[in-house]
Amino acid sequence: MQRTTKILVAIVAVIAVAGVGTFAVLISSTPPGNGCPSTKTAAANVLAQAPVSAPPPASRVNKAPGSGPDVASLSSGSVRTTISAASVIPVVAAENFWGSLVSQLGGNQTSVLSIVTDPNADPHEYEANASDATAVANAQFVVVNGVGYDDWALQLIAASNNPHQLVLNVGNLVGVSVTGGIVTGNPHMWYNPAYVNETVAAMYSALVSIRPSSAGYFQENYATLNVSLGELYGRANQIRAQFAGTEVASTESIFVYLANYTHLDLVSPPEFMQAIAEGNDPSAQSVVDFQCQLESGKVSVLVYNEQTVTPITSQMKLIAVEHNVSIVGVTETIQPSDVSFEVWMNSEYLQLQNALNAKALGQ
C-alpha cells in the first residue's frame, strides 16, 4: 500500500537518560483484560534520569565512507584548509528534527540545511535531488538518521566521498539496527529522550573537533540546549508519574519509544504498527485485533501519525472516535517547520498529557 501525502563548562541542567539500554517488545503471556487477543506490548526497560556528564568519545562520530579521517584523528589543519576561521561551518541534516538540534548547538558558527521538512509528505518516501547532492557534497558535517530511514542521504555521502567530512549516523551511534524489529530497529529515535541526549552530545563533540577555537561557544550553547531539553523531558516525566500503565494505542511504531519512556501500556498489535511504518499492508488478523482493542473501552488514547496516513489508519481513527478514544496527532518532522525541536515536541507531549487527563476525568 502506498502511503499518502506527510550543550563555564559545567552543564547546568540535566536531561540525559542514563543507559540507553535495549528496549524490548514483550508480548504478554495472558490475554489482556479487554477480551481481545493477546497482542499488547509492555512498557519495558525503565530509563532512569541522570545528569549529562561529558560528551561521548569522539570515535562515536563516524567518518564519511572512504579513507577520510574520523573525529578522533582529524588534524587541526585539515578542516581549516577547507574553510577560513571567519566562515561558518556548512552542516547538512537529513531531517529537520536533527537539524534544529545541531543548529542550536552551532549557532552563528554554522549554516545548517535541513533537507526533509515537508509537513505534507512521508519522510520514509523522500527522494533526493541534485540540489541535495550538492549540499551534501559541500557539507563539512552531515547528520543522518540511519536505520533505513534516509538511505538516500547515505548514498549521496558515499557518492561525494569528501575526505574532510564528518558524518553522524544516529542509528549507528545509539546501536539501533535496521534488522532489530519494532523497537531495536525502530528508526523514530528522536522520540526517545535517551537517544536525543546521546545524539546532542555527539553533535557537540563533532563541532568542537571541527572548530576547536569555538569550543567555549559550543559549550555555552550545549548548556542552554540542555536546559530547554530538560524542561521538555520534565513533561514526559509528569506523564509517567500520572499515567503509567494507562492503555494507549498507536497507528504505527513512531510512538513505541515514548510509550516505553512514559510507561504507558501500548497495546496496539506490533505487527500492525510495524507494517504501517514500513508502508505495507498489516495482516487481516492484526487489523481485527486492533479494532477489538479500540472498541473495548479500555484504550484511553490513540496516537495517530499524521504523516503516514493510509485508508486503514483512517479507519482505525474513525473507530477510535466512535468509541470515545481520544486522538493525539503526531508528526515525523517538526511542525510548524520554523519552530525548535523542543517547541514542537512539547506541543505533542502537552496534547498527550491533556488527552490522558481528560480521559481520566471521564470527559
Foldseek 3Di string as FASTA:
>chain_A
DFFFWFACQDQPFFQAFPDLDFDDWDFDPDQDPLPFGRQWTFLDDETHTDGDDAAPPQPLWAAFPDDADGLVPDDQVPLCVLPPPPAAAEEEEQALQLQLLLCLLRPPNYDYHHNDADGGAFQQPDDDDPVLLVSLLSGQEYEYLDLSSCVNSSVSSNVSVDSNHIYGHLCSSSVQHNPPALTSSPSLCLLASNSVVNSSSNSLSNVCSSPVVCNSVSNVSHSVVSVLSNVLVVLLQVLLVPPAAQEAEEQASNCSNSCSHSNYTYTQRSQRRDQLVVRHHRDPSSLVSLLSVLQSLRHAAYEYEPNRDDPSSVVSVVSNVVNNHHYQYDHSHAVPSPDHSSVRSSVSSVSVVVSVVCVVVVD
